[in-house]
Amino acid sequence: GAFAGLNISDDFDIQMELKYIQKGSY
């Protein structure tokens, strides 16, 4: 998928993502 983020400071970032993901059990 894709992501977009913001540098809040030199130490912290906040990131939003939109992605396709496969889960389940086998």
mmCIF file of all heavy atoms, coordinates in Angstrom:
data_MODEL
# 
_entry.id   MODEL 
# 
loop_
_atom_site.group_PDB 
_atom_site.id 
_atom_site.type_symbol 
_atom_site.label_atom_id 
_atom_site.label_alt_id 
_atom_site.label_comp_id 
_atom_site.label_asym_id 
_atom_site.label_entity_id 
_atom_site.label_seq_id 
_atom_site.pdbx_PDB_ins_code 
_atom_site.Cartn_x 
_atom_site.Cartn_y 
_atom_site.Cartn_z 
_atom_site.occupancy 
_atom_site.B_iso_or_equiv 
_atom_site.pdbx_formal_charge 
_atom_site.auth_seq_id 
_atom_site.auth_comp_id 
_atom_site.auth_asym_id 
_atom_site.auth_atom_id 
_atom_site.pdbx_PDB_model_num 
ATOM 1   N N   . GLY A 1 1  ? 0.813  -1.208  0.000  1.00 0.00 ? 1  GLY A N   1 
ATOM 2   C CA  . GLY A 1 1  ? 0.000  0.000   0.000  1.00 0.00 ? 1  GLY A CA  1 
ATOM 3   C C   . GLY A 1 1  ? 0.843  1.253   0.000  1.00 0.00 ? 1  GLY A C   1 
ATOM 4   O O   . GLY A 1 1  ? 1.969  1.269   -0.530 1.00 0.00 ? 1  GLY A O   1 
ATOM 5   N N   . ALA A 1 2  ? 0.312  2.305   0.606  1.00 0.00 ? 2  ALA A N   1 
ATOM 6   C CA  . ALA A 1 2  ? 0.981  3.603   0.621  1.00 0.00 ? 2  ALA A CA  1 
ATOM 7   C C   . ALA A 1 2  ? 0.888  4.212   2.006  1.00 0.00 ? 2  ALA A C   1 
ATOM 8   O O   . ALA A 1 2  ? 0.037  3.823   2.819  1.00 0.00 ? 2  ALA A O   1 
ATOM 9   C CB  . ALA A 1 2  ? 0.350  4.545   -0.404 1.00 0.00 ? 2  ALA A CB  1 
ATOM 10  N N   . PHE A 1 3  ? 1.774  5.167   2.277  1.00 0.00 ? 3  PHE A N   1 
ATOM 11  C CA  . PHE A 1 3  ? 1.756  5.859   3.566  1.00 0.00 ? 3  PHE A CA  1 
ATOM 12  C C   . PHE A 1 3  ? 2.043  7.333   3.364  1.00 0.00 ? 3  PHE A C   1 
ATOM 13  O O   . PHE A 1 3  ? 2.623  7.752   2.361  1.00 0.00 ? 3  PHE A O   1 
ATOM 14  C CB  . PHE A 1 3  ? 2.778  5.249   4.538  1.00 0.00 ? 3  PHE A CB  1 
ATOM 15  C CG  . PHE A 1 3  ? 4.217  5.417   4.131  1.00 0.00 ? 3  PHE A CG  1 
ATOM 16  C CD1 . PHE A 1 3  ? 4.950  6.527   4.523  1.00 0.00 ? 3  PHE A CD1 1 
ATOM 17  C CD2 . PHE A 1 3  ? 4.850  4.455   3.359  1.00 0.00 ? 3  PHE A CD2 1 
ATOM 18  C CE1 . PHE A 1 3  ? 6.273  6.688   4.151  1.00 0.00 ? 3  PHE A CE1 1 
ATOM 19  C CE2 . PHE A 1 3  ? 6.168  4.593   2.988  1.00 0.00 ? 3  PHE A CE2 1 
ATOM 20  C CZ  . PHE A 1 3  ? 6.884  5.713   3.382  1.00 0.00 ? 3  PHE A CZ  1 
ATOM 21  N N   . ALA A 1 4  ? 1.619  8.124   4.347  1.00 0.00 ? 4  ALA A N   1 
ATOM 22  C CA  . ALA A 1 4  ? 1.937  9.546   4.398  1.00 0.00 ? 4  ALA A CA  1 
ATOM 23  C C   . ALA A 1 4  ? 2.169  9.906   5.855  1.00 0.00 ? 4  ALA A C   1 
ATOM 24  O O   . ALA A 1 4  ? 1.501  9.390   6.748  1.00 0.00 ? 4  ALA A O   1 
ATOM 25  C CB  . ALA A 1 4  ? 0.801  10.378  3.826  1.00 0.00 ? 4  ALA A CB  1 
ATOM 26  N N   . GLY A 1 5  ? 3.154  10.765  6.093  1.00 0.00 ? 5  GLY A N   1 
ATOM 27  C CA  . GLY A 1 5  ? 3.494  11.081  7.464  1.00 0.00 ? 5  GLY A CA  1 
ATOM 28  C C   . GLY A 1 5  ? 3.895  12.518  7.666  1.00 0.00 ? 5  GLY A C   1 
ATOM 29  O O   . GLY A 1 5  ? 4.098  13.281  6.711  1.00 0.00 ? 5  GLY A O   1 
ATOM 30  N N   . LEU A 1 6  ? 3.999  12.888  8.948  1.00 0.00 ? 6  LEU A N   1 
ATOM 31  C CA  . LEU A 1 6  ? 4.407  14.222  9.350  1.00 0.00 ? 6  LEU A CA  1 
ATOM 32  C C   . LEU A 1 6  ? 5.528  14.115  10.373 1.00 0.00 ? 6  LEU A C   1 
ATOM 33  O O   . LEU A 1 6  ? 5.449  13.307  11.305 1.00 0.00 ? 6  LEU A O   1 
ATOM 34  C CB  . LEU A 1 6  ? 3.243  14.994  9.966  1.00 0.00 ? 6  LEU A CB  1 
ATOM 35  C CG  . LEU A 1 6  ? 2.064  15.326  9.064  1.00 0.00 ? 6  LEU A CG  1 
ATOM 36  C CD1 . LEU A 1 6  ? 0.918  15.882  9.890  1.00 0.00 ? 6  LEU A CD1 1 
ATOM 37  C CD2 . LEU A 1 6  ? 2.480  16.296  7.988  1.00 0.00 ? 6  LEU A CD2 1 
ATOM 38  N N   . ASN A 1 7  ? 6.558  14.933  10.214 1.00 0.00 ? 7  ASN A N   1 
ATOM 39  C CA  . ASN A 1 7  ? 7.618  15.046  11.216 1.00 0.00 ? 7  ASN A CA  1 
ATOM 40  C C   . ASN A 1 7  ? 7.153  16.003  12.300 1.00 0.00 ? 7  ASN A C   1 
ATOM 41  O O   . ASN A 1 7  ? 7.141  17.217  12.116 1.00 0.00 ? 7  ASN A O   1 
ATOM 42  C CB  . ASN A 1 7  ? 8.907  15.559  10.581 1.00 0.00 ? 7  ASN A CB  1 
ATOM 43  C CG  . ASN A 1 7  ? 9.426  14.632  9.494  1.00 0.00 ? 7  ASN A CG  1 
ATOM 44  O OD1 . ASN A 1 7  ? 9.543  15.015  8.337  1.00 0.00 ? 7  ASN A OD1 1 
ATOM 45  N ND2 . ASN A 1 7  ? 9.734  13.407  9.859  1.00 0.00 ? 7  ASN A ND2 1 
ATOM 46  N N   . ILE A 1 8  ? 6.740  15.457  13.437 1.00 0.00 ? 8  ILE A N   1 
ATOM 47  C CA  . ILE A 1 8  ? 6.288  16.306  14.544 1.00 0.00 ? 8  ILE A CA  1 
ATOM 48  C C   . ILE A 1 8  ? 7.465  17.029  15.181 1.00 0.00 ? 8  ILE A C   1 
ATOM 49  O O   . ILE A 1 8  ? 7.379  18.199  15.553 1.00 0.00 ? 8  ILE A O   1 
ATOM 50  C CB  . ILE A 1 8  ? 5.556  15.445  15.590 1.00 0.00 ? 8  ILE A CB  1 
ATOM 51  C CG1 . ILE A 1 8  ? 4.359  14.751  14.946 1.00 0.00 ? 8  ILE A CG1 1 
ATOM 52  C CG2 . ILE A 1 8  ? 5.097  16.306  16.763 1.00 0.00 ? 8  ILE A CG2 1 
ATOM 53  C CD1 . ILE A 1 8  ? 3.643  13.801  15.869 1.00 0.00 ? 8  ILE A CD1 1 
ATOM 54  N N   . SER A 1 9  ? 8.595  16.313  15.321 1.00 0.00 ? 9  SER A N   1 
ATOM 55  C CA  . SER A 1 9  ? 9.813  16.876  15.881 1.00 0.00 ? 9  SER A CA  1 
ATOM 56  C C   . SER A 1 9  ? 10.982 16.027  15.396 1.00 0.00 ? 9  SER A C   1 
ATOM 57  O O   . SER A 1 9  ? 10.808 15.137  14.563 1.00 0.00 ? 9  SER A O   1 
ATOM 58  C CB  . SER A 1 9  ? 9.757  16.878  17.417 1.00 0.00 ? 9  SER A CB  1 
ATOM 59  O OG  . SER A 1 9  ? 9.781  15.551  17.916 1.00 0.00 ? 9  SER A OG  1 
ATOM 60  N N   . ASP A 1 10 ? 12.181 16.299  15.906 1.00 0.00 ? 10 ASP A N   1 
ATOM 61  C CA  . ASP A 1 10 ? 13.337 15.481  15.543 1.00 0.00 ? 10 ASP A CA  1 
ATOM 62  C C   . ASP A 1 10 ? 13.203 14.054  16.058 1.00 0.00 ? 10 ASP A C   1 
ATOM 63  O O   . ASP A 1 10 ? 13.872 13.145  15.563 1.00 0.00 ? 10 ASP A O   1 
ATOM 64  C CB  . ASP A 1 10 ? 14.622 16.101  16.104 1.00 0.00 ? 10 ASP A CB  1 
ATOM 65  C CG  . ASP A 1 10 ? 14.974 17.423  15.431 1.00 0.00 ? 10 ASP A CG  1 
ATOM 66  O OD1 . ASP A 1 10 ? 14.497 17.638  14.298 1.00 0.00 ? 10 ASP A OD1 1 
ATOM 67  O OD2 . ASP A 1 10 ? 15.702 18.216  16.046 1.00 0.00 ? 10 ASP A OD2 1 
ATOM 68  N N   . ASP A 1 11 ? 12.345 13.866  17.049 1.00 0.00 ? 11 ASP A N   1 
ATOM 69  C CA  . ASP A 1 11 ? 12.217 12.549  17.671 1.00 0.00 ? 11 ASP A CA  1 
ATOM 70  C C   . ASP A 1 11 ? 10.962 11.795  17.246 1.00 0.00 ? 11 ASP A C   1 
ATOM 71  O O   . ASP A 1 11 ? 10.980 10.559  17.221 1.00 0.00 ? 11 ASP A O   1 
ATOM 72  C CB  . ASP A 1 11 ? 12.204 12.695  19.204 1.00 0.00 ? 11 ASP A CB  1 
ATOM 73  C CG  . ASP A 1 11 ? 13.438 13.403  19.731 1.00 0.00 ? 11 ASP A CG  1 
ATOM 74  O OD1 . ASP A 1 11 ? 14.523 13.190  19.162 1.00 0.00 ? 11 ASP A OD1 1 
ATOM 75  O OD2 . ASP A 1 11 ? 13.313 14.165  20.712 1.00 0.00 ? 11 ASP A OD2 1 
ATOM 76  N N   . PHE A 1 12 ? 9.881  12.519  16.936 1.00 0.00 ? 12 PHE A N   1 
ATOM 77  C CA  . PHE A 1 12 ? 8.593  11.858  16.719 1.00 0.00 ? 12 PHE A CA  1 
ATOM 78  C C   . PHE A 1 12 ? 8.067  12.109  15.309 1.00 0.00 ? 12 PHE A C   1 
ATOM 79  O O   . PHE A 1 12 ? 8.175  13.222  14.770 1.00 0.00 ? 12 PHE A O   1 
ATOM 80  C CB  . PHE A 1 12 ? 7.560  12.365  17.731 1.00 0.00 ? 12 PHE A CB  1 
ATOM 81  C CG  . PHE A 1 12 ? 7.795  11.880  19.130 1.00 0.00 ? 12 PHE A CG  1 
ATOM 82  C CD1 . PHE A 1 12 ? 8.489  12.665  20.047 1.00 0.00 ? 12 PHE A CD1 1 
ATOM 83  C CD2 . PHE A 1 12 ? 7.331  10.637  19.540 1.00 0.00 ? 12 PHE A CD2 1 
ATOM 84  C CE1 . PHE A 1 12 ? 8.706  12.226  21.341 1.00 0.00 ? 12 PHE A CE1 1 
ATOM 85  C CE2 . PHE A 1 12 ? 7.548  10.190  20.838 1.00 0.00 ? 12 PHE A CE2 1 
ATOM 86  C CZ  . PHE A 1 12 ? 8.236  10.977  21.739 1.00 0.00 ? 12 PHE A CZ  1 
ATOM 87  N N   . ASP A 1 13 ? 7.479  11.053  14.737 1.00 0.00 ? 13 ASP A N   1 
ATOM 88  C CA  . ASP A 1 13 ? 6.731  11.137  13.489 1.00 0.00 ? 13 ASP A CA  1 
ATOM 89  C C   . ASP A 1 13 ? 5.357  10.541  13.727 1.00 0.00 ? 13 ASP A C   1 
ATOM 90  O O   . ASP A 1 13 ? 5.184  9.654   14.575 1.00 0.00 ? 13 ASP A O   1 
ATOM 91  C CB  . ASP A 1 13 ? 7.401  10.347  12.360 1.00 0.00 ? 13 ASP A CB  1 
ATOM 92  C CG  . ASP A 1 13 ? 8.768  10.885  11.994 1.00 0.00 ? 13 ASP A CG  1 
ATOM 93  O OD1 . ASP A 1 13 ? 9.046  12.064  12.295 1.00 0.00 ? 13 ASP A OD1 1 
ATOM 94  O OD2 . ASP A 1 13 ? 9.549  10.122  11.409 1.00 0.00 ? 13 ASP A OD2 1 
ATOM 95  N N   . ILE A 1 14 ? 4.375  11.006  12.947 1.00 0.00 ? 14 ILE A N   1 
ATOM 96  C CA  . ILE A 1 14 ? 3.072  10.360  12.917 1.00 0.00 ? 14 ILE A CA  1 
ATOM 97  C C   . ILE A 1 14 ? 2.794  9.962   11.474 1.00 0.00 ? 14 ILE A C   1 
ATOM 98  O O   . ILE A 1 14 ? 3.063  10.738  10.550 1.00 0.00 ? 14 ILE A O   1 
ATOM 99  C CB  . ILE A 1 14 ? 1.954  11.273  13.476 1.00 0.00 ? 14 ILE A CB  1 
ATOM 100 C CG1 . ILE A 1 14 ? 0.638  10.497  13.535 1.00 0.00 ? 14 ILE A CG1 1 
ATOM 101 C CG2 . ILE A 1 14 ? 1.818  12.557  12.679 1.00 0.00 ? 14 ILE A CG2 1 
ATOM 102 C CD1 . ILE A 1 14 ? -0.454 11.210  14.308 1.00 0.00 ? 14 ILE A CD1 1 
ATOM 103 N N   . GLN A 1 15 ? 2.320  8.737   11.298 1.00 0.00 ? 15 GLN A N   1 
ATOM 104 C CA  . GLN A 1 15 ? 2.183  8.191   9.952  1.00 0.00 ? 15 GLN A CA  1 
ATOM 105 C C   . GLN A 1 15 ? 0.812  7.554   9.781  1.00 0.00 ? 15 GLN A C   1 
ATOM 106 O O   . GLN A 1 15 ? 0.353  6.799   10.636 1.00 0.00 ? 15 GLN A O   1 
ATOM 107 C CB  . GLN A 1 15 ? 3.280  7.151   9.714  1.00 0.00 ? 15 GLN A CB  1 
ATOM 108 C CG  . GLN A 1 15 ? 3.289  6.540   8.324  1.00 0.00 ? 15 GLN A CG  1 
ATOM 109 C CD  . GLN A 1 15 ? 4.553  5.755   8.080  1.00 0.00 ? 15 GLN A CD  1 
ATOM 110 O OE1 . GLN A 1 15 ? 5.654  6.302   8.049  1.00 0.00 ? 15 GLN A OE1 1 
ATOM 111 N NE2 . GLN A 1 15 ? 4.409  4.456   7.891  1.00 0.00 ? 15 GLN A NE2 1 
ATOM 112 N N   . MET A 1 16 ? 0.161  7.859   8.668  1.00 0.00 ? 16 MET A N   1 
ATOM 113 C CA  . MET A 1 16 ? -1.090 7.227   8.270  1.00 0.00 ? 16 MET A CA  1 
ATOM 114 C C   . MET A 1 16 ? -0.827 6.331   7.067  1.00 0.00 ? 16 MET A C   1 
ATOM 115 O O   . MET A 1 16 ? -0.017 6.670   6.205  1.00 0.00 ? 16 MET A O   1 
ATOM 116 C CB  . MET A 1 16 ? -2.141 8.291   7.930  1.00 0.00 ? 16 MET A CB  1 
ATOM 117 C CG  . MET A 1 16 ? -2.533 9.165   9.098  1.00 0.00 ? 16 MET A CG  1 
ATOM 118 S SD  . MET A 1 16 ? -3.754 10.432  8.638  1.00 0.00 ? 16 MET A SD  1 
ATOM 119 C CE  . MET A 1 16 ? -2.742 11.501  7.605  1.00 0.00 ? 16 MET A CE  1 
ATOM 120 N N   . GLU A 1 17 ? -1.538 5.212   7.016  1.00 0.00 ? 17 GLU A N   1 
ATOM 121 C CA  . GLU A 1 17 ? -1.299 4.243   5.959  1.00 0.00 ? 17 GLU A CA  1 
ATOM 122 C C   . GLU A 1 17 ? -2.610 3.759   5.365  1.00 0.00 ? 17 GLU A C   1 
ATOM 123 O O   . GLU A 1 17 ? -3.649 3.738   6.031  1.00 0.00 ? 17 GLU A O   1 
ATOM 124 C CB  . GLU A 1 17 ? -0.509 3.041   6.491  1.00 0.00 ? 17 GLU A CB  1 
ATOM 125 C CG  . GLU A 1 17 ? 0.845  3.414   7.086  1.00 0.00 ? 17 GLU A CG  1 
ATOM 126 C CD  . GLU A 1 17 ? 1.505  2.275   7.830  1.00 0.00 ? 17 GLU A CD  1 
ATOM 127 O OE1 . GLU A 1 17 ? 0.999  1.135   7.743  1.00 0.00 ? 17 GLU A OE1 1 
ATOM 128 O OE2 . GLU A 1 17 ? 2.521  2.518   8.512  1.00 0.00 ? 17 GLU A OE2 1 
ATOM 129 N N   . LEU A 1 18 ? -2.550 3.356   4.122  1.00 0.00 ? 18 LEU A N   1 
ATOM 130 C CA  . LEU A 1 18 ? -3.664 2.712   3.437  1.00 0.00 ? 18 LEU A CA  1 
ATOM 131 C C   . LEU A 1 18 ? -3.082 1.509   2.722  1.00 0.00 ? 18 LEU A C   1 
ATOM 132 O O   . LEU A 1 18 ? -2.287 1.673   1.790  1.00 0.00 ? 18 LEU A O   1 
ATOM 133 C CB  . LEU A 1 18 ? -4.326 3.671   2.445  1.00 0.00 ? 18 LEU A CB  1 
ATOM 134 C CG  . LEU A 1 18 ? -5.421 3.078   1.554  1.00 0.00 ? 18 LEU A CG  1 
ATOM 135 C CD1 . LEU A 1 18 ? -6.577 2.567   2.395  1.00 0.00 ? 18 LEU A CD1 1 
ATOM 136 C CD2 . LEU A 1 18 ? -5.900 4.110   0.543  1.00 0.00 ? 18 LEU A CD2 1 
ATOM 137 N N   . LYS A 1 19 ? -3.469 0.292   3.146  1.00 0.00 ? 19 LYS A N   1 
ATOM 138 C CA  . LYS A 1 19 ? -2.812 -0.887  2.581  1.00 0.00 ? 19 LYS A CA  1 
ATOM 139 C C   . LYS A 1 19 ? -3.767 -2.071  2.519  1.00 0.00 ? 19 LYS A C   1 
ATOM 140 O O   . LYS A 1 19 ? -4.765 -2.150  3.240  1.00 0.00 ? 19 LYS A O   1 
ATOM 141 C CB  . LYS A 1 19 ? -1.573 -1.248  3.392  1.00 0.00 ? 19 LYS A CB  1 
ATOM 142 C CG  . LYS A 1 19 ? -1.853 -1.624  4.836  1.00 0.00 ? 19 LYS A CG  1 
ATOM 143 C CD  . LYS A 1 19 ? -0.578 -1.804  5.637  1.00 0.00 ? 19 LYS A CD  1 
ATOM 144 C CE  . LYS A 1 19 ? -0.880 -2.245  7.057  1.00 0.00 ? 19 LYS A CE  1 
ATOM 145 N NZ  . LYS A 1 19 ? 0.330  -2.373  7.894  1.00 0.00 ? 19 LYS A NZ  1 
ATOM 146 N N   . TYR A 1 20 ? -3.410 -3.003  1.645  1.00 0.00 ? 20 TYR A N   1 
ATOM 147 C CA  . TYR A 1 20 ? -4.071 -4.291  1.541  1.00 0.00 ? 20 TYR A CA  1 
ATOM 148 C C   . TYR A 1 20 ? -3.255 -5.296  2.335  1.00 0.00 ? 20 TYR A C   1 
ATOM 149 O O   . TYR A 1 20 ? -2.030 -5.343  2.217  1.00 0.00 ? 20 TYR A O   1 
ATOM 150 C CB  . TYR A 1 20 ? -4.150 -4.705  0.072  1.00 0.00 ? 20 TYR A CB  1 
ATOM 151 C CG  . TYR A 1 20 ? -4.507 -6.144  -0.165 1.00 0.00 ? 20 TYR A CG  1 
ATOM 152 C CD1 . TYR A 1 20 ? -5.818 -6.595  -0.048 1.00 0.00 ? 20 TYR A CD1 1 
ATOM 153 C CD2 . TYR A 1 20 ? -3.524 -7.070  -0.514 1.00 0.00 ? 20 TYR A CD2 1 
ATOM 154 C CE1 . TYR A 1 20 ? -6.144 -7.918  -0.277 1.00 0.00 ? 20 TYR A CE1 1 
ATOM 155 C CE2 . TYR A 1 20 ? -3.840 -8.397  -0.743 1.00 0.00 ? 20 TYR A CE2 1 
ATOM 156 C CZ  . TYR A 1 20 ? -5.143 -8.815  -0.628 1.00 0.00 ? 20 TYR A CZ  1 
ATOM 157 O OH  . TYR A 1 20 ? -5.461 -10.131 -0.852 1.00 0.00 ? 20 TYR A OH  1 
ATOM 158 N N   . ILE A 1 21 ? -3.932 -6.107  3.165  1.00 0.00 ? 21 ILE A N   1 
ATOM 159 C CA  . ILE A 1 21 ? -3.213 -7.060  4.000  1.00 0.00 ? 21 ILE A CA  1 
ATOM 160 C C   . ILE A 1 21 ? -4.001 -8.365  4.084  1.00 0.00 ? 21 ILE A C   1 
ATOM 161 O O   . ILE A 1 21 ? -5.233 -8.363  4.166  1.00 0.00 ? 21 ILE A O   1 
ATOM 162 C CB  . ILE A 1 21 ? -2.962 -6.478  5.410  1.00 0.00 ? 21 ILE A CB  1 
ATOM 163 C CG1 . ILE A 1 21 ? -2.050 -7.394  6.233  1.00 0.00 ? 21 ILE A CG1 1 
ATOM 164 C CG2 . ILE A 1 21 ? -4.255 -6.187  6.129  1.00 0.00 ? 21 ILE A CG2 1 
ATOM 165 C CD1 . ILE A 1 21 ? -1.544 -6.753  7.523  1.00 0.00 ? 21 ILE A CD1 1 
ATOM 166 N N   . GLN A 1 22 ? -3.271 -9.483  4.035  1.00 0.00 ? 22 GLN A N   1 
ATOM 167 C CA  . GLN A 1 22 ? -3.871 -10.807 4.125  1.00 0.00 ? 22 GLN A CA  1 
ATOM 168 C C   . GLN A 1 22 ? -3.645 -11.382 5.518  1.00 0.00 ? 22 GLN A C   1 
ATOM 169 O O   . GLN A 1 22 ? -2.531 -11.379 6.028  1.00 0.00 ? 22 GLN A O   1 
ATOM 170 C CB  . GLN A 1 22 ? -3.272 -11.738 3.073  1.00 0.00 ? 22 GLN A CB  1 
ATOM 171 C CG  . GLN A 1 22 ? -3.598 -11.333 1.648  1.00 0.00 ? 22 GLN A CG  1 
ATOM 172 C CD  . GLN A 1 22 ? -2.979 -12.275 0.631  1.00 0.00 ? 22 GLN A CD  1 
ATOM 173 O OE1 . GLN A 1 22 ? -1.983 -12.938 0.892  1.00 0.00 ? 22 GLN A OE1 1 
ATOM 174 N NE2 . GLN A 1 22 ? -3.580 -12.332 -0.553 1.00 0.00 ? 22 GLN A NE2 1 
ATOM 175 N N   . LYS A 1 23 ? -4.717 -11.888 6.117  1.00 0.00 ? 23 LYS A N   1 
ATOM 176 C CA  . LYS A 1 23 ? -4.653 -12.490 7.442  1.00 0.00 ? 23 LYS A CA  1 
ATOM 177 C C   . LYS A 1 23 ? -5.383 -13.825 7.417  1.00 0.00 ? 23 LYS A C   1 
ATOM 178 O O   . LYS A 1 23 ? -5.970 -14.220 6.418  1.00 0.00 ? 23 LYS A O   1 
ATOM 179 C CB  . LYS A 1 23 ? -5.273 -11.554 8.483  1.00 0.00 ? 23 LYS A CB  1 
ATOM 180 C CG  . LYS A 1 23 ? -4.644 -10.166 8.546  1.00 0.00 ? 23 LYS A CG  1 
ATOM 181 C CD  . LYS A 1 23 ? -5.257 -9.314  9.637  1.00 0.00 ? 23 LYS A CD  1 
ATOM 182 C CE  . LYS A 1 23 ? -4.618 -7.936  9.693  1.00 0.00 ? 23 LYS A CE  1 
ATOM 183 N NZ  . LYS A 1 23 ? -5.143 -7.107  10.815 1.00 0.00 ? 23 LYS A NZ  1 
ATOM 184 N N   . GLY A 1 24 ? -5.358 -14.536 8.546  1.00 0.00 ? 24 GLY A N   1 
ATOM 185 C CA  . GLY A 1 24 ? -6.098 -15.783 8.622  1.00 0.00 ? 24 GLY A CA  1 
ATOM 186 C C   . GLY A 1 24 ? -5.387 -16.848 9.414  1.00 0.00 ? 24 GLY A C   1 
ATOM 187 O O   . GLY A 1 24 ? -4.566 -16.561 10.297 1.00 0.00 ? 24 GLY A O   1 
ATOM 188 N N   . SER A 1 25 ? -5.689 -18.104 9.083  1.00 0.00 ? 25 SER A N   1 
ATOM 189 C CA  . SER A 1 25 ? -5.183 -19.246 9.832  1.00 0.00 ? 25 SER A CA  1 
ATOM 190 C C   . SER A 1 25 ? -5.013 -20.426 8.880  1.00 0.00 ? 25 SER A C   1 
ATOM 191 O O   . SER A 1 25 ? -5.741 -20.541 7.881  1.00 0.00 ? 25 SER A O   1 
ATOM 192 C CB  . SER A 1 25 ? -6.163 -19.607 10.956 1.00 0.00 ? 25 SER A CB  1 
ATOM 193 O OG  . SER A 1 25 ? -5.757 -20.773 11.642 1.00 0.00 ? 25 SER A OG  1 
ATOM 194 N N   . TYR A 1 26 ? -4.049 -21.307 9.213  1.00 0.00 ? 26 TYR A N   1 
ATOM 195 C CA  . TYR A 1 26 ? -3.829 -22.485 8.363  1.00 0.00 ? 26 TYR A CA  1 
ATOM 196 C C   . TYR A 1 26 ? -3.327 -23.646 9.211  1.00 0.00 ? 26 TYR A C   1 
ATOM 197 O O   . TYR A 1 26 ? -2.535 -23.454 10.150 1.00 0.00 ? 26 TYR A O   1 
ATOM 198 C CB  . TYR A 1 26 ? -2.796 -22.190 7.264  1.00 0.00 ? 26 TYR A CB  1 
ATOM 199 C CG  . TYR A 1 26 ? -2.441 -23.414 6.449  1.00 0.00 ? 26 TYR A CG  1 
ATOM 200 C CD1 . TYR A 1 26 ? -3.316 -23.886 5.483  1.00 0.00 ? 26 TYR A CD1 1 
ATOM 201 C CD2 . TYR A 1 26 ? -1.259 -24.112 6.683  1.00 0.00 ? 26 TYR A CD2 1 
ATOM 202 C CE1 . TYR A 1 26 ? -3.024 -25.017 4.746  1.00 0.00 ? 26 TYR A CE1 1 
ATOM 203 C CE2 . TYR A 1 26 ? -0.951 -25.253 5.951  1.00 0.00 ? 26 TYR A CE2 1 
ATOM 204 C CZ  . TYR A 1 26 ? -1.834 -25.705 4.983  1.00 0.00 ? 26 TYR A CZ  1 
ATOM 205 O OH  . TYR A 1 26 ? -1.545 -26.831 4.271  1.00 0.00 ? 26 TYR A OH  1 
# 
